[in-house]
N, C-alpha and C. Protein backbone atom coordinates (compact mmCIF):
# COMPACT_ATOMS: atom_id res chain seq x y z
N MET A 1 267.03 34.23 190.21
CA MET A 1 268.13 33.75 190.58
C MET A 1 267.86 32.44 190.59
N ILE A 2 268.70 31.39 189.68
CA ILE A 2 268.57 29.90 189.23
C ILE A 2 268.92 29.47 190.28
N ALA A 3 267.67 28.30 191.50
CA ALA A 3 268.11 27.42 192.30
C ALA A 3 269.51 26.91 192.76
N SER A 4 269.90 27.43 193.67
CA SER A 4 271.61 26.87 194.32
C SER A 4 271.61 25.06 194.32
N SER A 5 270.40 24.54 194.13
CA SER A 5 270.36 22.91 194.46
C SER A 5 270.52 22.25 193.00
N ALA A 6 270.61 23.50 191.65
CA ALA A 6 270.35 22.55 190.23
C ALA A 6 271.82 21.57 190.39
N VAL A 7 272.74 22.08 191.38
CA VAL A 7 273.85 20.92 190.74
C VAL A 7 274.39 20.79 192.37
N PRO A 8 273.89 19.41 192.80
CA PRO A 8 274.23 19.66 194.36
C PRO A 8 275.77 19.13 194.63
N PRO A 9 276.42 19.92 195.86
CA PRO A 9 277.50 20.38 195.94
C PRO A 9 278.22 19.01 196.37
N ALA A 10 276.98 18.36 197.31
CA ALA A 10 277.73 16.97 197.39
C ALA A 10 277.88 15.77 196.41
N ALA A 11 277.43 15.68 195.60
CA ALA A 11 277.83 15.11 194.35
C ALA A 11 278.77 15.33 193.69
N LEU A 12 279.05 16.88 193.26
CA LEU A 12 280.24 17.43 193.09
C LEU A 12 281.61 16.81 194.15
N ASP A 13 281.77 17.24 194.93
CA ASP A 13 282.38 16.60 195.79
C ASP A 13 282.69 15.37 195.81
N LEU A 14 281.07 14.08 195.82
CA LEU A 14 282.14 12.88 195.64
C LEU A 14 282.75 12.91 194.57
N LEU A 15 282.17 13.14 193.04
CA LEU A 15 283.56 13.27 191.98
C LEU A 15 284.27 13.10 192.43
N ILE A 16 285.01 14.14 193.33
CA ILE A 16 286.44 14.54 193.06
C ILE A 16 286.99 14.39 193.99
N THR A 17 286.71 13.38 195.09
CA THR A 17 287.06 12.30 196.01
C THR A 17 287.35 11.39 195.55
N GLN A 18 286.25 11.02 194.85
CA GLN A 18 286.28 9.43 194.46
C GLN A 18 286.46 9.05 192.40
N GLY A 19 286.54 10.39 191.84
CA GLY A 19 286.77 10.62 190.68
C GLY A 19 285.81 9.63 189.80
N PHE A 20 285.83 11.06 189.04
CA PHE A 20 284.62 11.04 187.47
C PHE A 20 284.21 9.46 186.82
N ASP A 21 285.41 8.79 186.70
CA ASP A 21 284.75 7.76 186.22
C ASP A 21 284.53 6.69 186.98
N ALA A 22 284.87 6.78 188.10
CA ALA A 22 284.85 5.53 189.22
C ALA A 22 283.34 5.61 189.98
N THR A 23 283.07 7.12 189.88
CA THR A 23 281.20 7.32 190.48
C THR A 23 280.61 6.77 189.85
N SER A 24 279.36 5.87 190.73
CA SER A 24 278.05 5.48 189.87
C SER A 24 277.17 6.76 189.57
N VAL A 25 276.10 6.61 189.03
CA VAL A 25 274.81 7.29 189.28
C VAL A 25 274.22 7.19 190.51
N ASP A 26 274.52 6.22 190.89
CA ASP A 26 273.50 5.63 191.98
C ASP A 26 274.18 6.15 193.34
N GLU A 27 275.62 6.32 193.25
CA GLU A 27 276.59 7.07 194.30
C GLU A 27 275.80 8.26 194.43
N LEU A 28 275.83 9.58 193.05
CA LEU A 28 275.44 10.50 192.85
C LEU A 28 274.21 10.87 193.20
N ALA A 29 273.05 10.25 193.08
CA ALA A 29 271.93 10.01 193.20
C ALA A 29 271.59 9.95 195.07
N ALA A 30 272.02 8.84 195.72
CA ALA A 30 272.59 9.06 196.92
C ALA A 30 273.07 10.55 197.57
N ALA A 31 274.17 10.85 197.19
CA ALA A 31 274.64 12.20 197.47
C ALA A 31 274.09 13.22 197.59
N ALA A 32 273.66 13.37 196.09
CA ALA A 32 272.49 14.26 196.17
C ALA A 32 270.94 14.54 196.82
N GLY A 33 270.22 13.50 197.34
CA GLY A 33 268.74 12.83 198.21
C GLY A 33 268.23 12.69 197.41
N ILE A 34 267.87 12.07 196.00
CA ILE A 34 267.66 11.71 195.30
C ILE A 34 267.23 10.44 195.24
N SER A 35 266.45 9.93 194.20
CA SER A 35 266.37 8.58 193.74
C SER A 35 266.98 8.32 192.40
N ARG A 36 267.31 6.99 192.04
CA ARG A 36 268.11 7.20 190.73
C ARG A 36 267.30 7.67 189.43
N SER A 37 266.00 7.09 189.35
CA SER A 37 265.24 7.36 188.28
C SER A 37 264.74 9.08 188.62
N THR A 38 264.84 9.43 189.65
CA THR A 38 264.99 11.36 189.87
C THR A 38 266.47 11.94 188.99
N PHE A 39 266.72 11.29 189.46
CA PHE A 39 268.71 11.77 188.71
C PHE A 39 268.39 11.56 187.61
N PHE A 40 267.97 10.41 186.75
CA PHE A 40 268.15 10.90 185.27
C PHE A 40 266.66 11.41 184.74
N ARG A 41 266.08 11.09 185.36
CA ARG A 41 264.76 12.70 185.05
C ARG A 41 265.11 14.27 184.86
N ARG A 42 266.29 14.59 186.12
CA ARG A 42 266.33 15.64 186.10
C ARG A 42 268.18 16.46 185.42
N PHE A 43 268.70 15.10 185.72
CA PHE A 43 270.23 15.39 184.85
C PHE A 43 270.08 14.51 183.14
N GLY A 44 269.84 13.19 183.36
CA GLY A 44 270.09 12.02 182.20
C GLY A 44 271.35 11.88 182.10
N SER A 45 272.44 12.50 182.63
CA SER A 45 273.73 11.96 182.81
C SER A 45 274.69 12.41 183.79
N LYS A 46 275.42 11.45 184.85
CA LYS A 46 276.80 12.61 185.00
C LYS A 46 277.09 13.83 184.68
N GLU A 47 277.62 14.02 183.48
CA GLU A 47 277.88 15.09 182.94
C GLU A 47 277.06 15.84 182.54
N ASN A 48 276.06 16.06 182.56
CA ASN A 48 274.60 16.79 182.29
C ASN A 48 274.75 17.49 183.76
N MET A 49 274.97 16.72 184.81
CA MET A 49 274.74 17.05 186.53
C MET A 49 275.94 18.10 186.36
N VAL A 50 276.79 17.54 185.95
CA VAL A 50 277.87 18.75 186.03
C VAL A 50 277.54 19.93 186.01
N PHE A 51 277.09 20.59 184.62
CA PHE A 51 276.91 21.41 184.10
C PHE A 51 275.05 21.82 183.74
N ALA A 52 274.71 21.63 184.97
CA ALA A 52 273.32 21.75 184.46
C ALA A 52 272.46 23.05 185.03
N ASP A 53 273.28 23.82 185.46
CA ASP A 53 273.28 25.03 185.98
C ASP A 53 273.26 26.18 184.97
N GLN A 54 274.86 25.79 184.54
CA GLN A 54 275.58 26.37 183.22
C GLN A 54 274.49 26.31 182.03
N GLU A 55 273.69 25.15 181.38
CA GLU A 55 272.81 25.64 180.87
C GLU A 55 271.83 26.50 180.89
N MET A 56 270.67 26.51 182.19
CA MET A 56 269.99 27.21 182.84
C MET A 56 270.26 28.62 182.56
N ILE A 57 271.67 28.87 182.69
CA ILE A 57 271.99 30.21 182.84
C ILE A 57 272.11 30.73 181.53
N ILE A 58 272.45 30.15 180.52
CA ILE A 58 272.65 30.51 179.21
C ILE A 58 271.12 31.21 178.53
N THR A 59 270.37 29.94 179.07
CA THR A 59 268.55 30.01 178.54
C THR A 59 268.57 31.52 179.66
N HIS A 60 268.68 31.68 180.50
CA HIS A 60 268.44 32.94 181.68
C HIS A 60 269.38 34.30 180.73
N VAL A 61 270.29 33.98 180.08
CA VAL A 61 270.73 35.54 179.49
C VAL A 61 269.93 35.51 177.69
N GLN A 62 269.64 34.31 177.37
CA GLN A 62 268.68 34.55 176.12
C GLN A 62 267.72 35.19 176.61
N THR A 63 266.99 34.78 177.43
CA THR A 63 265.75 35.50 177.75
C THR A 63 265.75 37.01 178.38
N THR A 64 267.04 37.13 178.93
CA THR A 64 266.74 38.37 179.67
C THR A 64 267.60 39.97 178.43
N LEU A 65 268.41 39.17 177.67
CA LEU A 65 268.91 40.07 176.27
C LEU A 65 267.57 40.36 175.42
N ALA A 66 266.27 38.64 175.44
CA ALA A 66 266.04 39.10 173.97
C ALA A 66 264.61 40.18 174.61
N ALA A 67 264.42 40.28 175.87
CA ALA A 67 262.98 41.26 176.66
C ALA A 67 263.80 42.57 176.74
N SER A 68 265.07 42.58 176.97
CA SER A 68 265.57 44.11 177.22
C SER A 68 265.30 44.82 175.89
N SER A 69 264.92 46.32 176.57
CA SER A 69 264.51 47.29 175.87
C SER A 69 265.35 48.67 176.39
N VAL A 70 266.28 48.42 176.58
CA VAL A 70 267.83 49.48 177.63
C VAL A 70 268.60 49.13 176.21
N SER A 71 269.62 50.26 175.87
CA SER A 71 270.64 50.29 175.07
C SER A 71 271.23 49.01 174.89
N VAL A 72 272.43 49.03 173.91
CA VAL A 72 273.33 47.76 173.57
C VAL A 72 273.49 47.66 174.95
N THR A 73 274.73 48.77 174.99
CA THR A 73 275.69 48.46 175.70
C THR A 73 275.10 48.28 177.17
N GLN A 74 273.87 48.66 177.95
CA GLN A 74 273.85 48.72 179.28
C GLN A 74 272.95 47.21 178.72
N ALA A 75 272.55 46.68 178.25
CA ALA A 75 271.27 45.47 178.11
C ALA A 75 272.88 44.30 177.98
N LEU A 76 274.31 44.34 177.64
CA LEU A 76 275.17 43.33 177.23
C LEU A 76 275.75 43.44 178.48
N LEU A 77 275.49 44.92 179.35
CA LEU A 77 276.54 44.59 180.62
C LEU A 77 275.23 44.07 181.64
N ASP A 78 274.16 44.33 181.67
CA ASP A 78 272.86 43.70 181.99
C ASP A 78 273.05 42.33 182.00
N ALA A 79 273.52 41.28 181.07
CA ALA A 79 273.65 39.97 180.72
C ALA A 79 275.04 39.48 181.77
N ALA A 80 276.31 40.22 181.36
CA ALA A 80 277.24 39.82 182.20
C ALA A 80 276.97 40.01 183.51
N HIS A 81 276.14 40.69 183.87
CA HIS A 81 276.27 40.58 185.61
C HIS A 81 275.02 39.40 185.78
N VAL A 82 273.97 38.82 184.60
CA VAL A 82 272.87 37.53 184.82
C VAL A 82 274.37 36.84 185.43
N VAL A 83 275.12 36.45 184.51
CA VAL A 83 275.86 35.21 184.77
C VAL A 83 276.89 35.09 185.67
N PHE A 84 277.45 35.98 185.89
CA PHE A 84 278.21 36.71 187.03
C PHE A 84 277.04 35.97 188.44
N ASP A 85 276.46 36.87 188.59
CA ASP A 85 275.76 36.85 190.03
C ASP A 85 274.52 35.49 189.83
N GLN A 86 274.76 34.95 188.85
CA GLN A 86 274.05 33.31 188.97
C GLN A 86 275.56 32.28 189.64
N TYR A 87 276.92 32.29 189.40
CA TYR A 87 278.35 31.45 189.59
C TYR A 87 278.32 31.80 190.69
N THR A 88 278.35 33.33 191.48
CA THR A 88 278.77 33.84 192.51
C THR A 88 277.62 33.23 193.54
N ALA A 89 276.18 32.86 193.58
CA ALA A 89 275.34 33.41 194.15
C ALA A 89 276.04 31.59 195.21
N ASN A 90 276.51 30.49 194.56
CA ASN A 90 276.71 29.43 195.21
C ASN A 90 278.12 29.34 194.96
N PRO A 91 278.63 29.73 196.10
CA PRO A 91 280.71 29.79 196.00
C PRO A 91 280.71 28.53 196.05
N GLU A 92 280.05 27.48 197.29
CA GLU A 92 280.79 25.90 197.26
C GLU A 92 280.41 25.01 196.21
N ALA A 93 279.42 25.40 195.17
CA ALA A 93 279.23 24.58 193.89
C ALA A 93 280.11 25.69 192.86
N ALA A 94 280.30 26.57 192.65
CA ALA A 94 280.93 26.93 191.58
C ALA A 94 282.42 26.45 191.83
N ARG A 95 283.16 26.19 193.47
CA ARG A 95 284.33 25.95 193.28
C ARG A 95 284.69 24.60 193.33
N LEU A 96 283.73 23.85 193.29
CA LEU A 96 283.66 22.66 193.57
C LEU A 96 284.21 21.93 192.11
N ARG A 97 283.38 22.57 191.16
CA ARG A 97 283.02 22.25 189.77
C ARG A 97 284.46 22.69 188.96
N HIS A 98 285.27 24.08 189.43
CA HIS A 98 285.83 24.58 188.86
C HIS A 98 286.78 23.23 189.21
N LYS A 99 287.39 22.98 190.53
CA LYS A 99 288.19 21.54 190.85
C LYS A 99 288.21 20.89 189.95
N LEU A 100 287.10 20.20 189.91
CA LEU A 100 286.34 18.78 189.06
C LEU A 100 286.96 19.03 187.36
N LEU A 101 286.60 20.55 186.80
CA LEU A 101 287.05 20.56 185.44
C LEU A 101 288.55 21.06 185.08
N SER A 102 289.06 21.13 186.60
CA SER A 102 290.79 21.07 186.49
C SER A 102 290.97 19.75 186.52
N SER A 103 290.11 18.70 186.54
CA SER A 103 291.08 17.21 187.02
C SER A 103 290.28 16.42 185.57
N VAL A 104 289.15 16.74 184.70
CA VAL A 104 288.77 15.64 184.03
C VAL A 104 288.65 16.61 182.09
N ALA A 105 289.46 15.83 181.76
CA ALA A 105 289.66 16.64 180.59
C ALA A 105 288.24 16.46 179.38
N ALA A 106 287.46 15.64 179.78
CA ALA A 106 286.12 15.95 179.04
C ALA A 106 285.12 16.86 179.46
N LEU A 107 285.73 16.86 180.40
CA LEU A 107 284.57 17.99 181.06
C LEU A 107 285.11 19.55 180.61
N ARG A 108 286.30 19.74 180.45
CA ARG A 108 286.42 20.83 180.55
C ARG A 108 286.37 21.21 178.83
N GLU A 109 286.67 20.19 177.91
CA GLU A 109 286.14 19.99 176.00
C GLU A 109 284.43 20.69 176.89
N ARG A 110 283.88 20.03 177.43
CA ARG A 110 282.23 20.16 177.61
C ARG A 110 282.12 21.75 177.87
N GLU A 111 283.63 22.54 178.85
CA GLU A 111 283.09 23.60 179.25
C GLU A 111 283.56 24.46 178.35
N LEU A 112 284.21 24.42 176.90
CA LEU A 112 284.37 24.95 176.05
C LEU A 112 283.22 25.32 174.71
N VAL A 113 282.40 23.86 174.97
CA VAL A 113 280.98 24.27 174.29
C VAL A 113 280.06 25.26 175.06
N SER A 114 280.02 25.13 176.66
CA SER A 114 279.32 26.18 176.69
C SER A 114 280.15 27.62 176.82
N THR A 115 280.80 27.97 177.04
CA THR A 115 281.65 29.13 176.54
C THR A 115 281.38 29.63 174.93
N HIS A 116 281.24 29.05 174.00
CA HIS A 116 280.34 29.11 173.07
C HIS A 116 279.17 29.63 172.96
N SER A 117 278.55 28.83 173.58
CA SER A 117 277.16 29.23 173.77
C SER A 117 276.84 30.28 173.95
N TYR A 118 277.25 31.00 175.06
CA TYR A 118 277.69 32.18 175.33
C TYR A 118 277.54 33.67 174.49
N GLU A 119 278.71 32.94 173.54
CA GLU A 119 279.40 33.91 172.77
C GLU A 119 278.28 34.13 171.54
N ARG A 120 277.77 32.77 171.60
CA ARG A 120 276.53 32.54 170.22
C ARG A 120 275.07 33.62 170.93
N ALA A 121 275.10 33.62 172.53
CA ALA A 121 273.95 34.21 172.89
C ALA A 121 273.81 35.81 172.69
N PHE A 122 275.00 36.55 172.94
CA PHE A 122 275.21 37.94 172.49
C PHE A 122 275.37 38.05 171.54
N ASN A 123 275.92 37.40 170.39
CA ASN A 123 276.05 37.46 169.06
C ASN A 123 274.98 37.44 168.37
N ASP A 124 273.51 36.91 168.95
CA ASP A 124 272.71 36.96 168.57
C ASP A 124 271.78 37.86 168.73
N PHE A 125 271.86 38.00 170.10
CA PHE A 125 271.53 39.42 170.51
C PHE A 125 271.75 40.43 169.41
N LEU A 126 273.20 41.06 169.15
CA LEU A 126 273.66 42.25 168.14
C LEU A 126 273.02 42.03 166.99
N LYS A 127 272.77 40.67 166.44
CA LYS A 127 271.98 40.49 165.37
C LYS A 127 270.52 41.02 165.56
N ALA A 128 270.08 40.78 166.22
CA ALA A 128 268.76 41.00 166.42
C ALA A 128 268.31 42.58 166.78
N ARG A 129 269.88 43.10 167.31
CA ARG A 129 269.34 44.37 167.46
C ARG A 129 270.21 45.22 165.81
N GLY A 130 270.14 44.23 165.17
CA GLY A 130 270.59 44.71 163.31
C GLY A 130 272.26 45.53 163.49
N LEU A 131 272.74 44.93 164.51
CA LEU A 131 274.19 45.61 164.33
C LEU A 131 274.97 44.94 163.56
N CYS A 132 274.50 44.04 162.83
CA CYS A 132 275.84 42.86 162.46
C CYS A 132 275.90 42.32 161.04
N GLU A 133 275.01 43.60 159.99
CA GLU A 133 274.35 43.16 158.60
C GLU A 133 275.34 43.66 157.55
N THR A 134 276.91 44.44 158.09
CA THR A 134 278.00 44.25 156.85
C THR A 134 278.96 42.89 157.46
N PRO A 135 279.32 42.93 156.15
CA PRO A 135 280.81 41.83 156.64
C PRO A 135 281.90 42.53 157.87
N ALA A 136 281.84 43.43 157.66
CA ALA A 136 282.89 44.32 158.48
C ALA A 136 282.29 44.24 160.30
N ASN A 137 281.08 44.81 160.17
CA ASN A 137 280.73 44.19 161.56
C ASN A 137 279.78 43.30 161.93
N ARG A 138 279.53 42.47 160.91
CA ARG A 138 279.80 40.91 161.22
C ARG A 138 280.84 40.83 161.86
N SER A 139 281.94 40.32 161.41
CA SER A 139 283.06 40.27 162.29
C SER A 139 283.69 41.22 163.76
N LEU A 140 282.74 42.37 163.76
CA LEU A 140 283.02 43.26 165.42
C LEU A 140 282.06 42.61 165.73
N CYS A 141 281.00 41.76 165.16
CA CYS A 141 279.98 41.43 166.55
C CYS A 141 280.61 39.68 167.10
N LEU A 142 281.37 39.20 166.64
CA LEU A 142 281.93 37.83 166.31
C LEU A 142 283.06 38.05 167.73
N GLY A 143 284.14 39.19 167.57
CA GLY A 143 284.58 39.61 168.42
C GLY A 143 284.69 40.36 169.71
N LEU A 144 283.33 41.06 169.66
CA LEU A 144 282.67 41.64 170.31
C LEU A 144 282.37 40.78 171.29
N SER A 145 281.56 39.58 170.68
CA SER A 145 281.21 38.50 171.59
C SER A 145 281.54 37.37 172.20
N ALA A 146 283.06 37.60 171.81
CA ALA A 146 284.19 36.61 172.35
C ALA A 146 284.91 37.33 173.06
N GLY A 147 284.92 38.53 173.31
CA GLY A 147 286.37 39.38 174.05
C GLY A 147 284.91 39.68 175.27
N LEU A 148 284.02 39.80 175.39
CA LEU A 148 282.75 40.05 176.98
C LEU A 148 282.66 38.80 177.00
N VAL A 149 282.78 37.41 176.89
CA VAL A 149 282.79 36.24 177.78
C VAL A 149 284.16 35.74 177.64
N ALA A 150 285.20 36.53 177.56
CA ALA A 150 286.80 36.17 177.70
C ALA A 150 286.75 37.22 179.52
N ILE A 151 286.27 38.65 179.06
CA ILE A 151 286.30 39.02 180.43
C ILE A 151 285.59 38.74 181.14
N HIS A 152 284.39 38.16 181.34
CA HIS A 152 283.83 37.96 182.32
C HIS A 152 284.55 36.70 183.15
N ASN A 153 284.84 35.87 181.91
CA ASN A 153 285.65 34.46 182.53
C ASN A 153 287.01 34.63 183.56
N ASP A 154 287.21 35.85 183.28
CA ASP A 154 288.39 35.99 183.65
C ASP A 154 288.11 36.69 185.28
N HIS A 155 287.11 37.27 185.52
CA HIS A 155 286.65 38.03 186.67
C HIS A 155 286.27 36.85 187.24
N LEU A 156 285.73 35.77 186.60
CA LEU A 156 284.70 34.61 187.77
C LEU A 156 286.32 33.77 187.99
N ARG A 157 286.87 34.17 187.20
CA ARG A 157 288.87 33.01 187.77
C ARG A 157 288.83 33.71 188.86
N LEU A 158 289.29 34.92 188.73
CA LEU A 158 289.79 36.17 189.89
C LEU A 158 288.91 35.61 191.15
N TRP A 159 287.69 35.56 191.08
CA TRP A 159 286.68 35.34 192.10
C TRP A 159 286.79 34.30 192.59
N LEU A 160 286.97 33.08 191.87
CA LEU A 160 287.47 31.60 192.75
C LEU A 160 288.59 31.50 193.29
N ARG A 161 289.90 32.22 192.70
CA ARG A 161 291.09 31.84 193.90
C ARG A 161 290.63 32.91 194.98
N ASP A 162 290.02 34.02 195.04
CA ASP A 162 289.99 34.95 196.26
C ASP A 162 288.87 36.18 195.42
N ALA A 163 287.59 35.53 196.88
CA ALA A 163 286.37 36.30 196.80
C ALA A 163 286.21 37.67 196.41
N GLN A 164 287.72 38.40 197.29
CA GLN A 164 287.70 39.51 197.46
C GLN A 164 288.66 40.28 196.17
N ALA A 165 289.08 39.63 195.14
CA ALA A 165 290.19 39.74 194.26
C ALA A 165 289.16 40.71 193.21
N THR A 166 287.63 40.45 193.33
CA THR A 166 286.65 41.43 192.15
C THR A 166 285.40 41.01 193.00
N ASN A 167 284.33 41.76 191.92
CA ASN A 167 283.27 42.15 192.21
C ASN A 167 281.92 42.28 190.92
N ARG A 168 281.38 42.42 191.31
CA ARG A 168 280.03 42.64 190.35
C ARG A 168 280.50 44.25 189.79
N ASP A 169 281.16 45.11 190.55
CA ASP A 169 281.02 46.40 190.02
C ASP A 169 282.54 46.48 189.43
N ARG A 170 283.66 45.56 189.48
CA ARG A 170 284.40 45.79 189.10
C ARG A 170 284.60 45.45 187.66
N LEU A 171 283.71 44.14 187.53
CA LEU A 171 283.48 43.62 186.06
C LEU A 171 282.99 44.43 185.63
N ALA A 172 281.98 45.10 185.88
CA ALA A 172 281.02 46.13 184.65
C ALA A 172 281.79 47.35 184.44
N LYS A 173 282.90 47.91 185.39
CA LYS A 173 284.01 48.81 185.01
C LYS A 173 284.59 48.26 184.15
N ASP A 174 284.78 47.08 183.75
CA ASP A 174 285.73 46.47 182.76
C ASP A 174 285.28 46.10 181.40
N VAL A 175 283.91 45.96 181.37
CA VAL A 175 283.37 45.82 180.29
C VAL A 175 282.55 46.68 180.09
N ARG A 176 282.52 48.06 180.64
CA ARG A 176 282.37 48.94 179.95
C ARG A 176 283.44 49.88 179.43
N LEU A 177 284.75 49.75 179.46
CA LEU A 177 285.59 50.21 179.04
C LEU A 177 285.90 49.27 178.18
N PHE A 178 285.81 48.03 177.80
CA PHE A 178 285.69 47.33 176.12
C PHE A 178 284.31 47.69 175.81
N LEU A 179 283.34 47.77 175.89
CA LEU A 179 282.67 47.87 175.18
C LEU A 179 282.40 49.08 174.45
N ASP A 180 283.31 50.34 175.36
CA ASP A 180 283.65 51.88 175.10
C ASP A 180 284.27 51.62 173.59
N ARG A 181 284.87 50.99 173.70
CA ARG A 181 285.82 50.84 172.29
C ARG A 181 285.23 50.07 170.88
N PHE A 182 283.52 49.74 171.43
CA PHE A 182 282.83 49.05 170.06
C PHE A 182 282.11 50.37 169.82
N ALA A 183 281.91 52.29 170.58
CA ALA A 183 280.63 52.94 170.58
C ALA A 183 280.22 52.83 169.04
N ASP A 184 281.37 53.10 168.21
CA ASP A 184 280.29 53.22 166.42
C ASP A 184 279.68 51.82 166.41
N LEU A 185 279.54 50.96 166.65
CA LEU A 185 278.75 49.96 166.14
C LEU A 185 277.71 49.86 167.09
N LEU A 186 277.82 49.95 168.43
CA LEU A 186 276.84 49.73 169.71
C LEU A 186 276.11 51.18 169.67
N GLU A 187 276.43 52.26 169.76
CA GLU A 187 275.79 53.24 169.87
C GLU A 187 276.32 54.42 168.79
N PRO A 188 275.90 53.86 167.31
CA PRO A 188 275.96 54.64 166.62
C PRO A 188 275.69 56.30 165.98
N ASP A 189 274.69 56.61 167.31
CA ASP A 189 274.06 58.22 166.82
C ASP A 189 274.83 58.35 167.55
N GLU A 190 275.05 58.39 169.21
CA GLU A 190 275.44 58.79 170.03
C GLU A 190 277.16 59.02 169.89
N ALA A 191 277.40 57.76 168.64
CA ALA A 191 279.04 58.05 169.00
C ALA A 191 279.28 59.27 167.55
N GLY A 192 277.95 59.16 166.35
CA GLY A 192 278.57 60.43 165.31
C GLY A 192 277.92 62.11 166.31
N ALA A 193 276.92 61.95 167.40
CA ALA A 193 276.88 63.09 167.92
C ALA A 193 277.58 63.41 168.32
N ALA A 194 278.83 62.40 168.94
CA ALA A 194 280.12 63.20 170.23
C ALA A 194 281.13 63.72 168.59
N ARG A 195 281.21 63.01 167.45
CA ARG A 195 282.10 63.46 166.55
C ARG A 195 281.86 64.87 165.59
N GLY A 196 280.66 64.95 165.95
CA GLY A 196 279.87 66.43 164.76
C GLY A 196 280.18 67.23 166.29
N ARG A 197 280.64 67.55 167.54
CA ARG A 197 280.49 68.56 168.20
C ARG A 197 281.87 69.47 168.19
N SER A 198 281.95 70.20 168.00
CA SER A 198 283.01 70.97 167.80
C SER A 198 283.47 71.48 169.27
N VAL A 199 285.07 71.73 169.10
CA VAL A 199 285.70 71.72 170.58
C VAL A 199 286.58 73.38 169.61
N ASN A 200 286.57 74.18 171.10
CA ASN A 200 287.02 75.50 170.99
C ASN A 200 287.90 75.46 171.73
N VAL A 201 288.83 76.23 170.91
CA VAL A 201 290.56 76.14 171.08
C VAL A 201 291.17 77.87 171.69
N VAL A 202 291.63 78.29 172.85
CA VAL A 202 291.42 79.52 172.61
C VAL A 202 292.83 79.41 173.30
N VAL A 203 293.59 80.68 172.36
CA VAL A 203 295.03 81.02 173.31
C VAL A 203 295.56 82.38 173.78
N SER A 204 295.75 82.21 174.78
CA SER A 204 296.13 83.53 174.83
C SER A 204 297.69 83.74 175.36
N VAL A 205 298.35 84.96 175.37
CA VAL A 205 299.85 85.15 175.31
C VAL A 205 299.87 86.22 176.45
N LEU A 206 300.70 85.78 177.39
CA LEU A 206 300.45 86.72 178.58
C LEU A 206 302.19 86.83 179.11
N ASP A 207 302.79 87.70 179.68
CA ASP A 207 304.17 87.67 180.42
C ASP A 207 303.81 86.78 181.27
N PRO A 208 305.60 86.28 181.19
CA PRO A 208 305.62 85.31 182.41
C PRO A 208 305.57 85.39 183.85
N GLY A 209 304.97 86.89 183.94
CA GLY A 209 305.19 86.92 185.94
C GLY A 209 303.77 87.76 185.82
N ALA A 210 302.55 87.56 184.89
CA ALA A 210 301.50 87.57 185.14
C ALA A 210 300.93 86.75 186.36
N ASP A 211 299.42 87.43 187.14
CA ASP A 211 299.24 87.01 188.03
C ASP A 211 297.58 86.11 188.14
N GLU A 212 297.26 85.58 188.68
CA GLU A 212 296.08 84.45 188.33
C GLU A 212 295.05 85.41 188.04
N GLN A 213 294.57 86.44 188.13
CA GLN A 213 294.04 87.49 188.29
C GLN A 213 294.02 88.22 186.61
N GLU A 214 295.23 88.12 186.04
CA GLU A 214 295.53 88.65 184.68
C GLU A 214 295.34 87.21 184.28
N VAL A 215 295.89 86.01 184.26
CA VAL A 215 295.42 85.20 183.70
C VAL A 215 294.08 84.80 183.43
N LEU A 216 292.62 84.99 184.53
CA LEU A 216 291.72 84.67 184.52
C LEU A 216 291.06 85.36 183.36
N ALA A 217 291.29 87.09 183.29
CA ALA A 217 290.71 87.61 182.88
C ALA A 217 291.00 87.84 181.35
N ALA A 218 292.73 87.29 180.60
CA ALA A 218 292.85 86.82 179.54
C ALA A 218 292.28 85.83 178.71
N VAL A 219 291.78 85.08 179.59
CA VAL A 219 291.23 83.34 179.19
C VAL A 219 289.89 83.77 179.31
N SER A 220 289.78 84.67 180.10
CA SER A 220 287.79 85.48 179.51
C SER A 220 287.67 86.24 178.28
N GLU A 221 288.53 86.94 177.67
CA GLU A 221 288.50 87.96 176.88
C GLU A 221 288.58 86.80 175.48
N ALA A 222 289.60 85.92 175.60
CA ALA A 222 289.82 85.33 174.80
C ALA A 222 288.31 84.50 174.24
N LEU A 223 288.23 83.71 175.12
CA LEU A 223 286.63 83.27 175.18
C LEU A 223 285.94 84.16 174.18
N ARG A 224 285.39 85.26 174.81
CA ARG A 224 284.26 86.32 174.58
C ARG A 224 284.82 86.07 173.03
N GLN A 225 286.14 86.58 172.62
CA GLN A 225 286.04 87.12 171.09
C GLN A 225 285.89 85.77 170.35
N SER A 226 286.25 84.05 170.90
CA SER A 226 286.02 83.14 170.11
C SER A 226 284.51 83.13 169.67
N GLN A 227 283.62 83.55 170.91
CA GLN A 227 282.08 83.17 170.67
C GLN A 227 281.56 84.61 170.15
N ASP A 228 281.82 85.71 169.33
CA ASP A 228 281.84 86.94 168.78
C ASP A 228 281.77 86.20 167.27
C-alpha cells in the first residue's frame, strides 16, 4: 500500500481554503511539515504534489500487471482493485483532492492525463499478452481499457459521495460483467470450448392432467432415448 502521506491532507486543505494560485510553496511546505527544499525534492511543484500518489499508483498498476501470471481477466480485475484500494485507503486526502479538482480547471486537465495513463497501462498489458495483434482486436483493446477505467472511476465517484454506496466487491461484480462481454478476446480458448459444447434439448408430450411422477418419468425416458 502506498504511504498515505504521499499527498499531505493539510496541504490539500490549504489549497482549498486559500485558493490554488494564492497559496505559496512555502505555505504548503509548512502545512505538510517539511522544508521548502524537501517539498521541491519530493514533489517538484504544487501541481505535482496534488497528483503525487496518482503517479505512484499508476506505476504500481504497471508493475502488478507485468508481474501477473493469472488469467487476463483476473489480472485486470486485480489491477482495478489495486487502484480502488489505494484511493480509498486515505479517505480524507481522496475527498479533499476531489473537492480541489472540482474548483481548479487546470488540475482537471491534469487529471485527464492521469486517466489516459491508466488506460495506456491496461492497453499495454493486453498488448504484452498478444491480444491486440489484428486491427479489430487493437480497437477492442482500446475500448476495453477505456471502459475499465470508466467503470472504476464511476465506483470511485460513488464512494466519494457516500462510502456505503459501493465497495471493492461491487466494483469486482461490475468489472467482471463488463469483461465477460470481451470473453472472445480475453479468454479465446475458454470461449471456443463453450461454443463447442453441444446442448441437448428433449421434448416430452404429456396429458394436461399428468402428475409430478408422470412428468419425471417422461423426461427421464426422453433423456435416455436422446443418449442412445
